[in-house]
Amino acid sequence: MALRAPEIRLDIERIVLDGLPPVGRERFRRAFIEACTAGLAKARFENAASVTARLELTIPHDASAEAIGRALARGIVEMVSRT
């Protein structure tokens, strides 16, 4: 019997960012996906059923779309990972 690598699946229905110009949306999406992929691949997960938290981030007013995407991804990875 062959072993399969564990599948990591993150379903996010909607992300709302007030004030992010439309031209930054693709840059945000790309940075978010890359940071989530890298962070979740290295994470040691908590039981997903026990994760009931609200994610609050402080992001500088002049942050780039990429910086916002990476910050959100880091917050999600920290929320589901063992500390």
N, C-alpha and C. Protein backbone atom coordinates (compact mmCIF):
# COMPACT_ATOMS: atom_id res chain seq x y z
N MET A 1 0.85 -1.16 0.00
CA MET A 1 0.00 0.00 0.00
C MET A 1 0.91 1.24 0.00
N ALA A 2 0.67 2.13 -0.92
CA ALA A 2 1.45 3.37 -1.02
C ALA A 2 0.90 4.41 -0.06
N LEU A 3 1.80 5.17 0.54
CA LEU A 3 1.38 6.25 1.43
C LEU A 3 1.27 7.54 0.64
N ARG A 4 0.22 8.28 0.94
CA ARG A 4 0.03 9.57 0.29
C ARG A 4 0.44 10.68 1.25
N ALA A 5 0.95 11.74 0.71
CA ALA A 5 1.25 12.91 1.53
C ALA A 5 -0.05 13.49 2.04
N PRO A 6 -0.06 14.01 3.26
CA PRO A 6 -1.31 14.59 3.77
C PRO A 6 -1.73 15.78 2.93
N GLU A 7 -3.01 15.91 2.76
CA GLU A 7 -3.55 17.04 1.99
C GLU A 7 -3.85 18.18 2.94
N ILE A 8 -3.45 19.36 2.55
CA ILE A 8 -3.79 20.55 3.32
C ILE A 8 -4.82 21.31 2.51
N ARG A 9 -5.93 21.57 3.14
CA ARG A 9 -7.00 22.27 2.43
C ARG A 9 -7.49 23.41 3.31
N LEU A 10 -7.51 24.58 2.77
CA LEU A 10 -7.97 25.76 3.48
C LEU A 10 -9.08 26.38 2.63
N ASP A 11 -10.30 26.33 3.12
CA ASP A 11 -11.43 26.91 2.40
C ASP A 11 -11.79 28.24 3.05
N ILE A 12 -11.62 29.29 2.31
CA ILE A 12 -11.98 30.62 2.78
C ILE A 12 -13.06 31.12 1.84
N GLU A 13 -14.20 31.35 2.40
CA GLU A 13 -15.33 31.75 1.57
C GLU A 13 -15.18 33.17 1.05
N ARG A 14 -14.69 34.05 1.90
CA ARG A 14 -14.64 35.46 1.50
C ARG A 14 -13.63 36.21 2.33
N ILE A 15 -12.85 37.06 1.70
CA ILE A 15 -11.94 37.99 2.37
C ILE A 15 -12.35 39.39 1.93
N VAL A 16 -12.64 40.25 2.88
CA VAL A 16 -13.05 41.61 2.56
C VAL A 16 -11.97 42.56 3.04
N LEU A 17 -11.43 43.34 2.13
CA LEU A 17 -10.42 44.34 2.45
C LEU A 17 -10.91 45.70 2.00
N ASP A 18 -11.39 46.48 2.91
CA ASP A 18 -11.83 47.83 2.56
C ASP A 18 -10.61 48.70 2.28
N GLY A 19 -10.65 49.41 1.18
CA GLY A 19 -9.59 50.36 0.88
C GLY A 19 -8.47 49.83 0.00
N LEU A 20 -8.47 48.54 -0.32
CA LEU A 20 -7.43 48.01 -1.22
C LEU A 20 -7.86 48.29 -2.65
N PRO A 21 -7.06 49.08 -3.38
CA PRO A 21 -7.44 49.40 -4.76
C PRO A 21 -7.54 48.13 -5.61
N PRO A 22 -8.44 48.14 -6.57
CA PRO A 22 -8.60 46.96 -7.44
C PRO A 22 -7.30 46.50 -8.09
N VAL A 23 -6.40 47.41 -8.39
CA VAL A 23 -5.14 47.02 -9.04
C VAL A 23 -4.26 46.18 -8.11
N GLY A 24 -4.49 46.24 -6.80
CA GLY A 24 -3.69 45.47 -5.85
C GLY A 24 -4.25 44.10 -5.52
N ARG A 25 -5.43 43.80 -5.99
CA ARG A 25 -6.09 42.55 -5.62
C ARG A 25 -5.33 41.31 -6.08
N GLU A 26 -4.84 41.32 -7.28
CA GLU A 26 -4.09 40.16 -7.79
C GLU A 26 -2.77 40.00 -7.04
N ARG A 27 -2.10 41.11 -6.75
CA ARG A 27 -0.85 41.04 -5.99
C ARG A 27 -1.12 40.50 -4.58
N PHE A 28 -2.22 40.95 -3.96
CA PHE A 28 -2.62 40.43 -2.65
C PHE A 28 -2.86 38.93 -2.73
N ARG A 29 -3.66 38.52 -3.70
CA ARG A 29 -4.02 37.10 -3.84
C ARG A 29 -2.79 36.23 -4.02
N ARG A 30 -1.88 36.65 -4.87
CA ARG A 30 -0.66 35.88 -5.13
C ARG A 30 0.21 35.77 -3.87
N ALA A 31 0.41 36.90 -3.17
CA ALA A 31 1.22 36.89 -1.94
C ALA A 31 0.56 36.05 -0.86
N PHE A 32 -0.77 36.15 -0.74
CA PHE A 32 -1.50 35.38 0.27
C PHE A 32 -1.37 33.88 0.01
N ILE A 33 -1.58 33.46 -1.22
CA ILE A 33 -1.48 32.04 -1.56
C ILE A 33 -0.06 31.52 -1.34
N GLU A 34 0.94 32.27 -1.77
CA GLU A 34 2.32 31.83 -1.58
C GLU A 34 2.67 31.70 -0.11
N ALA A 35 2.28 32.69 0.71
CA ALA A 35 2.60 32.65 2.14
C ALA A 35 1.82 31.55 2.85
N CYS A 36 0.57 31.33 2.49
CA CYS A 36 -0.21 30.24 3.09
C CYS A 36 0.39 28.89 2.73
N THR A 37 0.74 28.72 1.48
CA THR A 37 1.31 27.46 1.02
C THR A 37 2.59 27.15 1.79
N ALA A 38 3.48 28.13 1.90
CA ALA A 38 4.75 27.91 2.60
C ALA A 38 4.52 27.69 4.09
N GLY A 39 3.69 28.50 4.71
CA GLY A 39 3.46 28.39 6.15
C GLY A 39 2.73 27.12 6.54
N LEU A 40 1.70 26.76 5.80
CA LEU A 40 0.94 25.56 6.15
C LEU A 40 1.73 24.28 5.88
N ALA A 41 2.63 24.32 4.91
CA ALA A 41 3.46 23.14 4.63
C ALA A 41 4.38 22.82 5.80
N LYS A 42 4.77 23.84 6.57
CA LYS A 42 5.69 23.65 7.71
C LYS A 42 4.96 23.55 9.05
N ALA A 43 3.68 23.81 9.07
CA ALA A 43 2.94 23.92 10.34
C ALA A 43 2.72 22.57 11.01
N ARG A 44 2.69 22.62 12.33
CA ARG A 44 2.25 21.48 13.15
C ARG A 44 0.86 21.84 13.62
N PHE A 45 -0.13 21.13 13.13
CA PHE A 45 -1.51 21.55 13.30
C PHE A 45 -2.11 21.16 14.64
N GLU A 46 -2.97 22.05 15.11
CA GLU A 46 -3.86 21.76 16.23
C GLU A 46 -5.06 21.04 15.65
N ASN A 47 -5.86 20.45 16.51
CA ASN A 47 -7.10 19.84 16.07
C ASN A 47 -7.99 20.95 15.50
N ALA A 48 -8.33 20.86 14.25
CA ALA A 48 -9.09 21.92 13.59
C ALA A 48 -10.43 22.18 14.28
N ALA A 49 -11.01 21.15 14.87
CA ALA A 49 -12.29 21.32 15.54
C ALA A 49 -12.18 22.20 16.78
N SER A 50 -10.98 22.29 17.35
CA SER A 50 -10.82 23.08 18.57
C SER A 50 -10.44 24.52 18.29
N VAL A 51 -10.24 24.86 17.05
CA VAL A 51 -9.84 26.23 16.72
C VAL A 51 -11.08 27.10 16.60
N THR A 52 -11.29 27.92 17.60
CA THR A 52 -12.37 28.90 17.55
C THR A 52 -11.77 30.22 17.97
N ALA A 53 -11.30 30.95 17.01
CA ALA A 53 -10.62 32.20 17.30
C ALA A 53 -10.98 33.23 16.27
N ARG A 54 -10.79 34.44 16.66
CA ARG A 54 -10.98 35.55 15.74
C ARG A 54 -9.60 36.10 15.43
N LEU A 55 -9.34 36.33 14.19
CA LEU A 55 -8.04 36.83 13.76
C LEU A 55 -8.11 38.35 13.64
N GLU A 56 -7.28 39.02 14.41
CA GLU A 56 -7.20 40.48 14.33
C GLU A 56 -5.77 40.86 14.03
N LEU A 57 -5.60 41.66 13.00
CA LEU A 57 -4.27 42.10 12.58
C LEU A 57 -4.20 43.62 12.56
N THR A 58 -3.04 44.13 12.90
CA THR A 58 -2.78 45.55 12.75
C THR A 58 -1.86 45.69 11.55
N ILE A 59 -2.33 46.36 10.54
CA ILE A 59 -1.58 46.50 9.30
C ILE A 59 -1.35 47.99 9.07
N PRO A 60 -0.11 48.38 8.82
CA PRO A 60 0.17 49.80 8.58
C PRO A 60 -0.67 50.36 7.42
N HIS A 61 -1.03 51.60 7.55
CA HIS A 61 -1.87 52.26 6.55
C HIS A 61 -1.25 52.22 5.15
N ASP A 62 0.07 52.30 5.09
CA ASP A 62 0.74 52.34 3.79
C ASP A 62 1.28 50.98 3.34
N ALA A 63 0.77 49.90 3.94
CA ALA A 63 1.23 48.55 3.57
C ALA A 63 0.85 48.22 2.13
N SER A 64 1.74 47.51 1.46
CA SER A 64 1.46 47.10 0.08
C SER A 64 0.47 45.94 0.07
N ALA A 65 -0.09 45.68 -1.09
CA ALA A 65 -1.01 44.55 -1.24
C ALA A 65 -0.31 43.25 -0.87
N GLU A 66 0.95 43.11 -1.25
CA GLU A 66 1.72 41.90 -0.93
C GLU A 66 1.92 41.76 0.58
N ALA A 67 2.24 42.87 1.25
CA ALA A 67 2.45 42.83 2.70
C ALA A 67 1.16 42.45 3.43
N ILE A 68 0.04 42.95 2.96
CA ILE A 68 -1.25 42.59 3.56
C ILE A 68 -1.54 41.11 3.36
N GLY A 69 -1.30 40.60 2.16
CA GLY A 69 -1.52 39.18 1.89
C GLY A 69 -0.66 38.29 2.76
N ARG A 70 0.63 38.64 2.90
CA ARG A 70 1.53 37.84 3.74
C ARG A 70 1.14 37.91 5.21
N ALA A 71 0.73 39.10 5.69
CA ALA A 71 0.33 39.24 7.09
C ALA A 71 -0.91 38.41 7.39
N LEU A 72 -1.88 38.42 6.51
CA LEU A 72 -3.08 37.62 6.71
C LEU A 72 -2.75 36.14 6.71
N ALA A 73 -1.91 35.71 5.79
CA ALA A 73 -1.51 34.30 5.72
C ALA A 73 -0.79 33.89 7.00
N ARG A 74 0.14 34.71 7.48
CA ARG A 74 0.86 34.39 8.73
C ARG A 74 -0.11 34.25 9.90
N GLY A 75 -1.09 35.16 9.96
CA GLY A 75 -2.08 35.09 11.04
C GLY A 75 -2.88 33.80 10.99
N ILE A 76 -3.28 33.39 9.82
CA ILE A 76 -4.04 32.14 9.68
C ILE A 76 -3.18 30.95 10.07
N VAL A 77 -1.95 30.91 9.60
CA VAL A 77 -1.05 29.79 9.94
C VAL A 77 -0.83 29.74 11.45
N GLU A 78 -0.61 30.87 12.10
CA GLU A 78 -0.42 30.88 13.55
C GLU A 78 -1.68 30.43 14.28
N MET A 79 -2.84 30.77 13.75
CA MET A 79 -4.08 30.41 14.40
C MET A 79 -4.32 28.89 14.40
N VAL A 80 -3.89 28.20 13.35
CA VAL A 80 -4.15 26.77 13.26
C VAL A 80 -2.95 25.92 13.68
N SER A 81 -1.85 26.56 14.04
CA SER A 81 -0.64 25.83 14.39
C SER A 81 -0.44 25.76 15.90
N ARG A 82 0.29 24.76 16.30
CA ARG A 82 0.70 24.67 17.70
C ARG A 82 1.77 25.72 17.96
N THR A 83 1.70 26.31 19.10
CA THR A 83 2.71 27.31 19.45
C THR A 83 3.73 26.74 20.41
